[in-house]
């Protein structure tokens, strides 16, 4: 289920729970059933796990890029220092 549909459903369930707490019956469901439905939907939603996995992959790639750039930076600094000293 797309994330926006999940949030819309979550919002409607929370409104139902709020109505039940205030004494109004939104859908006729008891508070426990509404909360159980909300938790079941949350447990079935896998989009957050996918987002975390993509974040970890991006972090790993970032670390690799930083390591390579630092290594190249040191080598370039040594090369330019050598060229500078030979030109003097």
C-alpha atoms as a PDB file:
ATOM      1  CA  UNK A   1       0.000   0.000   0.000  1.00  0.00           C
ATOM      2  CA  UNK A   2       1.425   3.399  -0.874  1.00  0.00           C
ATOM      3  CA  UNK A   3       2.595   5.456   2.053  1.00  0.00           C
ATOM      4  CA  UNK A   4       0.073   8.290   1.576  1.00  0.00           C
ATOM      5  CA  UNK A   5      -2.826   5.824   1.676  1.00  0.00           C
ATOM      6  CA  UNK A   6      -1.408   4.327   4.876  1.00  0.00           C
ATOM      7  CA  UNK A   7      -1.228   7.768   6.476  1.00  0.00           C
ATOM      8  CA  UNK A   8      -4.777   8.593   5.387  1.00  0.00           C
ATOM      9  CA  UNK A   9      -5.981   5.351   6.903  1.00  0.00           C
ATOM     10  CA  UNK A  10      -3.989   6.010  10.080  1.00  0.00           C
ATOM     11  CA  UNK A  11      -5.516   9.468  10.338  1.00  0.00           C
ATOM     12  CA  UNK A  12      -9.044   8.104   9.974  1.00  0.00           C
ATOM     13  CA  UNK A  13      -8.391   5.430  12.613  1.00  0.00           C
ATOM     14  CA  UNK A  14      -6.972   8.027  14.998  1.00  0.00           C
ATOM     15  CA  UNK A  15     -10.027  10.213  14.437  1.00  0.00           C
ATOM     16  CA  UNK A  16     -12.227   7.232  15.232  1.00  0.00           C
ATOM     17  CA  UNK A  17     -10.267   6.561  18.415  1.00  0.00           C
ATOM     18  CA  UNK A  18     -10.528  10.244  19.374  1.00  0.00           C
ATOM     19  CA  UNK A  19     -14.280  10.142  18.766  1.00  0.00           C
ATOM     20  CA  UNK A  20     -14.595   7.046  20.931  1.00  0.00           C
ATOM     21  CA  UNK A  21     -12.630   8.681  23.726  1.00  0.00           C
ATOM     22  CA  UNK A  22     -14.893  11.744  23.594  1.00  0.00           C
ATOM     23  CA  UNK A  23     -18.024   9.634  23.696  1.00  0.00           C
ATOM     24  CA  UNK A  24     -18.903   9.836  19.997  1.00  0.00           C
ATOM     25  CA  UNK A  25     -19.029   6.670  17.970  1.00  0.00           C
ATOM     26  CA  UNK A  26     -17.336   7.297  14.635  1.00  0.00           C
ATOM     27  CA  UNK A  27     -17.597   3.867  13.060  1.00  0.00           C
ATOM     28  CA  UNK A  28     -19.150   1.872  15.883  1.00  0.00           C
ATOM     29  CA  UNK A  29     -15.856   0.095  16.563  1.00  0.00           C
ATOM     30  CA  UNK A  30     -14.720  -0.152  20.150  1.00  0.00           C
ATOM     31  CA  UNK A  31     -11.493   1.594  20.952  1.00  0.00           C
ATOM     32  CA  UNK A  32      -9.536  -1.678  21.260  1.00  0.00           C
ATOM     33  CA  UNK A  33     -10.584  -2.874  17.807  1.00  0.00           C
ATOM     34  CA  UNK A  34      -9.655   0.450  16.240  1.00  0.00           C
ATOM     35  CA  UNK A  35      -6.247   0.390  17.900  1.00  0.00           C
ATOM     36  CA  UNK A  36      -5.714  -3.231  16.875  1.00  0.00           C
ATOM     37  CA  UNK A  37      -6.560  -2.341  13.267  1.00  0.00           C
ATOM     38  CA  UNK A  38      -4.095   0.546  13.386  1.00  0.00           C
ATOM     39  CA  UNK A  39      -1.309  -1.650  14.756  1.00  0.00           C
ATOM     40  CA  UNK A  40      -1.986  -4.393  12.203  1.00  0.00           C
ATOM     41  CA  UNK A  41      -1.756  -1.865   9.354  1.00  0.00           C
ATOM     42  CA  UNK A  42       1.468  -0.486  10.804  1.00  0.00           C
ATOM     43  CA  UNK A  43       2.985  -3.968  11.120  1.00  0.00           C
ATOM     44  CA  UNK A  44       2.121  -4.804   7.507  1.00  0.00           C
ATOM     45  CA  UNK A  45       3.588  -1.603   6.061  1.00  0.00           C
ATOM     46  CA  UNK A  46       7.066  -2.314   4.677  1.00  0.00           C
ATOM     47  CA  UNK A  47       7.832   1.099   3.162  1.00  0.00           C
ATOM     48  CA  UNK A  48       9.707   2.300   6.260  1.00  0.00           C
ATOM     49  CA  UNK A  49      12.006  -0.732   6.173  1.00  0.00           C
ATOM     50  CA  UNK A  50      12.757  -0.066   2.517  1.00  0.00           C
ATOM     51  CA  UNK A  51      13.545   3.588   3.245  1.00  0.00           C
ATOM     52  CA  UNK A  52      15.939   2.555   6.015  1.00  0.00           C
ATOM     53  CA  UNK A  53      17.686   0.099   3.693  1.00  0.00           C
ATOM     54  CA  UNK A  54      18.134   2.786   1.039  1.00  0.00           C
ATOM     55  CA  UNK A  55      19.477   5.137   3.701  1.00  0.00           C
ATOM     56  CA  UNK A  56      22.047   2.568   4.815  1.00  0.00           C
ATOM     57  CA  UNK A  57      23.130   1.971   1.217  1.00  0.00           C
ATOM     58  CA  UNK A  58      23.522   5.727   0.665  1.00  0.00           C
ATOM     59  CA  UNK A  59      25.539   6.040   3.891  1.00  0.00           C
ATOM     60  CA  UNK A  60      27.851   3.208   2.804  1.00  0.00           C
ATOM     61  CA  UNK A  61      28.417   4.773  -0.603  1.00  0.00           C
ATOM     62  CA  UNK A  62      29.103   8.141   1.053  1.00  0.00           C
ATOM     63  CA  UNK A  63      31.725   6.624   3.338  1.00  0.00           C
ATOM     64  CA  UNK A  64      33.418   4.954   0.358  1.00  0.00           C
ATOM     65  CA  UNK A  65      33.453   8.216  -1.618  1.00  0.00           C
ATOM     66  CA  UNK A  66      34.900  10.135   1.340  1.00  0.00           C
ATOM     67  CA  UNK A  67      37.655   7.526   1.789  1.00  0.00           C
ATOM     68  CA  UNK A  68      38.595   7.664  -1.905  1.00  0.00           C
ATOM     69  CA  UNK A  69      38.569  11.475  -2.015  1.00  0.00           C
ATOM     70  CA  UNK A  70      40.741  11.688   1.105  1.00  0.00           C
ATOM     71  CA  UNK A  71      43.235   9.245  -0.427  1.00  0.00           C
ATOM     72  CA  UNK A  72      43.303  11.124  -3.730  1.00  0.00           C
ATOM     73  CA  UNK A  73      43.575  14.453  -1.926  1.00  0.00           C
ATOM     74  CA  UNK A  74      46.691  13.331  -0.098  1.00  0.00           C
ATOM     75  CA  UNK A  75      48.280  12.016  -3.301  1.00  0.00           C
ATOM     76  CA  UNK A  76      47.429  15.199  -5.215  1.00  0.00           C
ATOM     77  CA  UNK A  77      48.854  17.346  -2.421  1.00  0.00           C
ATOM     78  CA  UNK A  78      52.120  15.401  -2.525  1.00  0.00           C
ATOM     79  CA  UNK A  79      52.263  15.662  -6.331  1.00  0.00           C
ATOM     80  CA  UNK A  80      51.680  19.420  -6.371  1.00  0.00           C
ATOM     81  CA  UNK A  81      54.195  19.927  -3.557  1.00  0.00           C
ATOM     82  CA  UNK A  82      56.777  17.985  -5.568  1.00  0.00           C
ATOM     83  CA  UNK A  83      56.068  20.000  -8.707  1.00  0.00           C
ATOM     84  CA  UNK A  84      56.229  23.252  -6.728  1.00  0.00           C
ATOM     85  CA  UNK A  85      59.595  22.386  -5.194  1.00  0.00           C
ATOM     86  CA  UNK A  86      61.042  21.376  -8.589  1.00  0.00           C
ATOM     87  CA  UNK A  87      59.924  24.675 -10.165  1.00  0.00           C
ATOM     88  CA  UNK A  88      61.738  26.764  -7.559  1.00  0.00           C
END
